[in-house]
Amino acid sequence: MRAIVLALLAALFSFIFCTRYWIWRDCIAASQSSCLTPDGSNVTGGGMVWAAIAFGFLAAAFIAQFGRR
């Protein structure tokens, strides 16, 4: 059960990473700081931190599922 919750958290943070950085990475790189999206959101290169959080939850889910019990 704990592994499922951790995997769902990893999926949530992966989605946030995708919407806050991955989709806009070319625009962020071109402006070298931040990018304004058509809906007015300001996305920055700092959005990559969401990937680290997602990876941490994914690693915790694997440890909870397959680690030593």
PDB file of N, CA and C in Angstrom:
ATOM      1  N   MET A   1       0.822  -1.191   0.000  1.00  0.00           N
ATOM      2  CA  MET A   1       0.000   0.000   0.000  1.00  0.00           C
ATOM      3  C   MET A   1       0.869   1.259   0.000  1.00  0.00           C
ATOM      4  N   ARG A   2       1.939   1.230   0.805  1.00  0.00           N
ATOM      5  CA  ARG A   2       2.823   2.392   0.869  1.00  0.00           C
ATOM      6  C   ARG A   2       3.497   2.633  -0.481  1.00  0.00           C
ATOM      7  N   ALA A   3       3.862   1.563  -1.180  1.00  0.00           N
ATOM      8  CA  ALA A   3       4.500   1.703  -2.490  1.00  0.00           C
ATOM      9  C   ALA A   3       3.543   2.344  -3.496  1.00  0.00           C
ATOM     10  N   ILE A   4       2.273   2.023  -3.408  1.00  0.00           N
ATOM     11  CA  ILE A   4       1.289   2.608  -4.325  1.00  0.00           C
ATOM     12  C   ILE A   4       1.153   4.108  -4.085  1.00  0.00           C
ATOM     13  N   VAL A   5       1.082   4.495  -2.830  1.00  0.00           N
ATOM     14  CA  VAL A   5       0.980   5.921  -2.500  1.00  0.00           C
ATOM     15  C   VAL A   5       2.221   6.666  -2.974  1.00  0.00           C
ATOM     16  N   LEU A   6       3.391   6.085  -2.755  1.00  0.00           N
ATOM     17  CA  LEU A   6       4.631   6.729  -3.202  1.00  0.00           C
ATOM     18  C   LEU A   6       4.698   6.809  -4.724  1.00  0.00           C
ATOM     19  N   ALA A   7       4.230   5.780  -5.414  1.00  0.00           N
ATOM     20  CA  ALA A   7       4.214   5.803  -6.874  1.00  0.00           C
ATOM     21  C   ALA A   7       3.234   6.854  -7.387  1.00  0.00           C
ATOM     22  N   LEU A   8       2.102   7.015  -6.723  1.00  0.00           N
ATOM     23  CA  LEU A   8       1.147   8.063  -7.126  1.00  0.00           C
ATOM     24  C   LEU A   8       1.721   9.456  -6.896  1.00  0.00           C
ATOM     25  N   LEU A   9       2.451   9.630  -5.811  1.00  0.00           N
ATOM     26  CA  LEU A   9       3.122  10.915  -5.582  1.00  0.00           C
ATOM     27  C   LEU A   9       4.185  11.172  -6.649  1.00  0.00           C
ATOM     28  N   ALA A  10       4.908  10.133  -7.043  1.00  0.00           N
ATOM     29  CA  ALA A  10       5.897  10.276  -8.117  1.00  0.00           C
ATOM     30  C   ALA A  10       5.211  10.681  -9.413  1.00  0.00           C
ATOM     31  N   ALA A  11       4.062  10.094  -9.702  1.00  0.00           N
ATOM     32  CA  ALA A  11       3.316  10.447 -10.915  1.00  0.00           C
ATOM     33  C   ALA A  11       2.835  11.892 -10.850  1.00  0.00           C
ATOM     34  N   LEU A  12       2.358  12.325  -9.691  1.00  0.00           N
ATOM     35  CA  LEU A  12       1.901  13.707  -9.533  1.00  0.00           C
ATOM     36  C   LEU A  12       3.030  14.698  -9.789  1.00  0.00           C
ATOM     37  N   PHE A  13       4.182  14.457  -9.167  1.00  0.00           N
ATOM     38  CA  PHE A  13       5.302  15.373  -9.345  1.00  0.00           C
ATOM     39  C   PHE A  13       5.887  15.286 -10.751  1.00  0.00           C
ATOM     40  N   SER A  14       5.777  14.148 -11.400  1.00  0.00           N
ATOM     41  CA  SER A  14       6.188  14.039 -12.801  1.00  0.00           C
ATOM     42  C   SER A  14       5.291  14.891 -13.683  1.00  0.00           C
ATOM     43  N   PHE A  15       4.002  14.876 -13.405  1.00  0.00           N
ATOM     44  CA  PHE A  15       3.058  15.709 -14.152  1.00  0.00           C
ATOM     45  C   PHE A  15       3.372  17.191 -13.949  1.00  0.00           C
ATOM     46  N   ILE A  16       3.652  17.580 -12.711  1.00  0.00           N
ATOM     47  CA  ILE A  16       4.006  18.973 -12.436  1.00  0.00           C
ATOM     48  C   ILE A  16       5.279  19.351 -13.182  1.00  0.00           C
ATOM     49  N   PHE A  17       6.277  18.463 -13.180  1.00  0.00           N
ATOM     50  CA  PHE A  17       7.517  18.720 -13.914  1.00  0.00           C
ATOM     51  C   PHE A  17       7.231  18.921 -15.397  1.00  0.00           C
ATOM     52  N   CYS A  18       6.380  18.070 -15.947  1.00  0.00           N
ATOM     53  CA  CYS A  18       6.059  18.169 -17.371  1.00  0.00           C
ATOM     54  C   CYS A  18       5.395  19.505 -17.701  1.00  0.00           C
ATOM     55  N   THR A  19       4.437  19.915 -16.877  1.00  0.00           N
ATOM     56  CA  THR A  19       3.709  21.148 -17.176  1.00  0.00           C
ATOM     57  C   THR A  19       4.480  22.410 -16.825  1.00  0.00           C
ATOM     58  N   ARG A  20       5.371  22.338 -15.847  1.00  0.00           N
ATOM     59  CA  ARG A  20       6.094  23.540 -15.429  1.00  0.00           C
ATOM     60  C   ARG A  20       7.471  23.689 -16.063  1.00  0.00           C
ATOM     61  N   TYR A  21       8.004  22.628 -16.671  1.00  0.00           N
ATOM     62  CA  TYR A  21       9.323  22.748 -17.291  1.00  0.00           C
ATOM     63  C   TYR A  21       9.402  22.075 -18.660  1.00  0.00           C
ATOM     64  N   TRP A  22       9.150  20.786 -18.750  1.00  0.00           N
ATOM     65  CA  TRP A  22       9.468  20.004 -19.942  1.00  0.00           C
ATOM     66  C   TRP A  22       8.827  20.564 -21.210  1.00  0.00           C
ATOM     67  N   ILE A  23       7.561  20.924 -21.156  1.00  0.00           N
ATOM     68  CA  ILE A  23       6.868  21.447 -22.334  1.00  0.00           C
ATOM     69  C   ILE A  23       7.490  22.764 -22.793  1.00  0.00           C
ATOM     70  N   TRP A  24       7.974  23.562 -21.857  1.00  0.00           N
ATOM     71  CA  TRP A  24       8.478  24.906 -22.162  1.00  0.00           C
ATOM     72  C   TRP A  24      10.001  25.007 -22.175  1.00  0.00           C
ATOM     73  N   ARG A  25      10.705  23.885 -22.185  1.00  0.00           N
ATOM     74  CA  ARG A  25      12.166  23.922 -22.058  1.00  0.00           C
ATOM     75  C   ARG A  25      12.850  24.699 -23.182  1.00  0.00           C
ATOM     76  N   ASP A  26      12.323  24.651 -24.405  1.00  0.00           N
ATOM     77  CA  ASP A  26      12.929  25.393 -25.515  1.00  0.00           C
ATOM     78  C   ASP A  26      12.768  26.903 -25.322  1.00  0.00           C
ATOM     79  N   CYS A  27      11.605  27.323 -24.882  1.00  0.00           N
ATOM     80  CA  CYS A  27      11.354  28.741 -24.624  1.00  0.00           C
ATOM     81  C   CYS A  27      12.225  29.242 -23.472  1.00  0.00           C
ATOM     82  N   ILE A  28      12.346  28.441 -22.424  1.00  0.00           N
ATOM     83  CA  ILE A  28      13.186  28.823 -21.279  1.00  0.00           C
ATOM     84  C   ILE A  28      14.643  28.933 -21.707  1.00  0.00           C
ATOM     85  N   ALA A  29      15.115  28.000 -22.518  1.00  0.00           N
ATOM     86  CA  ALA A  29      16.503  28.034 -22.976  1.00  0.00           C
ATOM     87  C   ALA A  29      16.756  29.235 -23.882  1.00  0.00           C
ATOM     88  N   ALA A  30      15.790  29.578 -24.715  1.00  0.00           N
ATOM     89  CA  ALA A  30      15.962  30.711 -25.629  1.00  0.00           C
ATOM     90  C   ALA A  30      16.027  32.032 -24.863  1.00  0.00           C
ATOM     91  N   SER A  31      15.238  32.160 -23.817  1.00  0.00           N
ATOM     92  CA  SER A  31      15.232  33.418 -23.065  1.00  0.00           C
ATOM     93  C   SER A  31      16.285  33.425 -21.963  1.00  0.00           C
ATOM     94  N   GLN A  32      16.851  32.278 -21.639  1.00  0.00           N
ATOM     95  CA  GLN A  32      17.914  32.086 -20.640  1.00  0.00           C
ATOM     96  C   GLN A  32      17.508  32.473 -19.225  1.00  0.00           C
ATOM     97  N   SER A  33      16.220  32.606 -18.962  1.00  0.00           N
ATOM     98  CA  SER A  33      15.805  32.851 -17.581  1.00  0.00           C
ATOM     99  C   SER A  33      14.402  32.322 -17.338  1.00  0.00           C
ATOM    100  N   SER A  34      13.426  32.930 -17.973  1.00  0.00           N
ATOM    101  CA  SER A  34      12.051  32.506 -17.773  1.00  0.00           C
ATOM    102  C   SER A  34      11.267  32.716 -19.055  1.00  0.00           C
ATOM    103  N   CYS A  35      10.086  32.167 -19.077  1.00  0.00           N
ATOM    104  CA  CYS A  35       9.265  32.217 -20.282  1.00  0.00           C
ATOM    105  C   CYS A  35       7.817  32.459 -19.875  1.00  0.00           C
ATOM    106  N   LEU A  36       7.155  33.330 -20.579  1.00  0.00           N
ATOM    107  CA  LEU A  36       5.730  33.557 -20.339  1.00  0.00           C
ATOM    108  C   LEU A  36       4.934  32.656 -21.264  1.00  0.00           C
ATOM    109  N   THR A  37       4.039  31.877 -20.692  1.00  0.00           N
ATOM    110  CA  THR A  37       3.193  30.982 -21.475  1.00  0.00           C
ATOM    111  C   THR A  37       1.983  31.760 -21.997  1.00  0.00           C
ATOM    112  N   PRO A  38       1.270  31.211 -22.969  1.00  0.00           N
ATOM    113  CA  PRO A  38       0.094  31.921 -23.498  1.00  0.00           C
ATOM    114  C   PRO A  38      -0.976  32.230 -22.444  1.00  0.00           C
ATOM    115  N   ASP A  39      -1.049  31.436 -21.389  1.00  0.00           N
ATOM    116  CA  ASP A  39      -2.043  31.720 -20.347  1.00  0.00           C
ATOM    117  C   ASP A  39      -1.519  32.692 -19.288  1.00  0.00           C
ATOM    118  N   GLY A  40      -0.301  33.209 -19.469  1.00  0.00           N
ATOM    119  CA  GLY A  40       0.256  34.216 -18.576  1.00  0.00           C
ATOM    120  C   GLY A  40       1.130  33.681 -17.457  1.00  0.00           C
ATOM    121  N   SER A  41       1.318  32.362 -17.398  1.00  0.00           N
ATOM    122  CA  SER A  41       2.179  31.785 -16.364  1.00  0.00           C
ATOM    123  C   SER A  41       3.645  32.062 -16.697  1.00  0.00           C
ATOM    124  N   ASN A  42       4.430  32.285 -15.664  1.00  0.00           N
ATOM    125  CA  ASN A  42       5.860  32.500 -15.842  1.00  0.00           C
ATOM    126  C   ASN A  42       6.574  31.224 -15.408  1.00  0.00           C
ATOM    127  N   VAL A  43       7.169  30.493 -16.353  1.00  0.00           N
ATOM    128  CA  VAL A  43       7.882  29.263 -16.041  1.00  0.00           C
ATOM    129  C   VAL A  43       9.375  29.531 -16.120  1.00  0.00           C
ATOM    130  N   THR A  44      10.134  28.868 -15.242  1.00  0.00           N
ATOM    131  CA  THR A  44      11.579  29.077 -15.180  1.00  0.00           C
ATOM    132  C   THR A  44      12.309  27.749 -15.211  1.00  0.00           C
ATOM    133  N   GLY A  45      13.609  27.813 -15.328  1.00  0.00           N
ATOM    134  CA  GLY A  45      14.438  26.620 -15.291  1.00  0.00           C
ATOM    135  C   GLY A  45      14.392  25.924 -13.947  1.00  0.00           C
ATOM    136  N   GLY A  46      13.940  26.628 -12.918  1.00  0.00           N
ATOM    137  CA  GLY A  46      13.801  26.034 -11.596  1.00  0.00           C
ATOM    138  C   GLY A  46      12.747  24.943 -11.550  1.00  0.00           C
ATOM    139  N   GLY A  47      11.950  24.834 -12.618  1.00  0.00           N
ATOM    140  CA  GLY A  47      10.945  23.787 -12.690  1.00  0.00           C
ATOM    141  C   GLY A  47      11.558  22.399 -12.731  1.00  0.00           C
ATOM    142  N   MET A  48      12.853  22.320 -12.991  1.00  0.00           N
ATOM    143  CA  MET A  48      13.521  21.014 -13.012  1.00  0.00           C
ATOM    144  C   MET A  48      13.558  20.377 -11.634  1.00  0.00           C
ATOM    145  N   VAL A  49      13.389  21.168 -10.579  1.00  0.00           N
ATOM    146  CA  VAL A  49      13.411  20.612  -9.231  1.00  0.00           C
ATOM    147  C   VAL A  49      12.282  19.597  -9.036  1.00  0.00           C
ATOM    148  N   TRP A  50      11.172  19.768  -9.766  1.00  0.00           N
ATOM    149  CA  TRP A  50      10.057  18.824  -9.650  1.00  0.00           C
ATOM    150  C   TRP A  50      10.470  17.432 -10.111  1.00  0.00           C
ATOM    151  N   ALA A  51      11.390  17.346 -11.059  1.00  0.00           N
ATOM    152  CA  ALA A  51      11.872  16.038 -11.521  1.00  0.00           C
ATOM    153  C   ALA A  51      12.655  15.335 -10.416  1.00  0.00           C
ATOM    154  N   ALA A  52      13.432  16.085  -9.667  1.00  0.00           N
ATOM    155  CA  ALA A  52      14.196  15.491  -8.569  1.00  0.00           C
ATOM    156  C   ALA A  52      13.261  14.956  -7.490  1.00  0.00           C
ATOM    157  N   ILE A  53      12.214  15.701  -7.190  1.00  0.00           N
ATOM    158  CA  ILE A  53      11.245  15.249  -6.191  1.00  0.00           C
ATOM    159  C   ILE A  53      10.527  13.998  -6.689  1.00  0.00           C
ATOM    160  N   ALA A  54      10.128  14.003  -7.964  1.00  0.00           N
ATOM    161  CA  ALA A  54       9.452  12.840  -8.543  1.00  0.00           C
ATOM    162  C   ALA A  54      10.360  11.617  -8.513  1.00  0.00           C
ATOM    163  N   PHE A  55      11.625  11.803  -8.845  1.00  0.00           N
ATOM    164  CA  PHE A  55      12.564  10.688  -8.818  1.00  0.00           C
ATOM    165  C   PHE A  55      12.739  10.157  -7.399  1.00  0.00           C
ATOM    166  N   GLY A  56      12.769  11.044  -6.427  1.00  0.00           N
ATOM    167  CA  GLY A  56      12.891  10.621  -5.039  1.00  0.00           C
ATOM    168  C   GLY A  56      11.708   9.760  -4.601  1.00  0.00           C
ATOM    169  N   PHE A  57      10.502  10.179  -4.949  1.00  0.00           N
ATOM    170  CA  PHE A  57       9.327   9.377  -4.611  1.00  0.00           C
ATOM    171  C   PHE A  57       9.319   8.051  -5.363  1.00  0.00           C
ATOM    172  N   LEU A  58       9.775   8.060  -6.615  1.00  0.00           N
ATOM    173  CA  LEU A  58       9.829   6.817  -7.376  1.00  0.00           C
ATOM    174  C   LEU A  58      10.832   5.846  -6.759  1.00  0.00           C
ATOM    175  N   ALA A  59      11.982   6.356  -6.360  1.00  0.00           N
ATOM    176  CA  ALA A  59      12.982   5.507  -5.708  1.00  0.00           C
ATOM    177  C   ALA A  59      12.439   4.947  -4.391  1.00  0.00           C
ATOM    178  N   ALA A  60      11.741   5.784  -3.638  1.00  0.00           N
ATOM    179  CA  ALA A  60      11.149   5.319  -2.384  1.00  0.00           C
ATOM    180  C   ALA A  60      10.088   4.246  -2.635  1.00  0.00           C
ATOM    181  N   ALA A  61       9.327   4.387  -3.720  1.00  0.00           N
ATOM    182  CA  ALA A  61       8.316   3.379  -4.057  1.00  0.00           C
ATOM    183  C   ALA A  61       8.976   2.057  -4.398  1.00  0.00           C
ATOM    184  N   PHE A  62      10.067   2.093  -5.161  1.00  0.00           N
ATOM    185  CA  PHE A  62      10.778   0.845  -5.492  1.00  0.00           C
ATOM    186  C   PHE A  62      11.371   0.201  -4.241  1.00  0.00           C
ATOM    187  N   ILE A  63      11.915   1.010  -3.361  1.00  0.00           N
ATOM    188  CA  ILE A  63      12.481   0.474  -2.124  1.00  0.00           C
ATOM    189  C   ILE A  63      11.379  -0.135  -1.263  1.00  0.00           C
ATOM    190  N   ALA A  64      10.229   0.542  -1.196  1.00  0.00           N
ATOM    191  CA  ALA A  64       9.122   0.020  -0.399  1.00  0.00           C
ATOM    192  C   ALA A  64       8.584  -1.275  -0.979  1.00  0.00           C
ATOM    193  N   GLN A  65       8.585  -1.381  -2.303  1.00  0.00           N
ATOM    194  CA  GLN A  65       8.024  -2.584  -2.937  1.00  0.00           C
ATOM    195  C   GLN A  65       9.018  -3.745  -2.976  1.00  0.00           C
ATOM    196  N   PHE A  66      10.256  -3.455  -3.344  1.00  0.00           N
ATOM    197  CA  PHE A  66      11.223  -4.525  -3.583  1.00  0.00           C
ATOM    198  C   PHE A  66      12.351  -4.586  -2.561  1.00  0.00           C
ATOM    199  N   GLY A  67      12.382  -3.646  -1.636  1.00  0.00           N
ATOM    200  CA  GLY A  67      13.452  -3.615  -0.655  1.00  0.00           C
ATOM    201  C   GLY A  67      13.332  -4.729   0.359  1.00  0.00           C
ATOM    202  N   ARG A  68      14.318  -4.799   1.214  1.00  0.00           N
ATOM    203  CA  ARG A  68      14.326  -5.824   2.260  1.00  0.00           C
ATOM    204  C   ARG A  68      13.169  -5.584   3.235  1.00  0.00           C
ATOM    205  N   ARG A  69      12.477  -6.625   3.575  1.00  0.00           N
ATOM    206  CA  ARG A  69      11.330  -6.492   4.481  1.00  0.00           C
ATOM    207  C   ARG A  69      11.643  -7.055   5.822  1.00  0.00           C
TER     208      ARG A  69
END
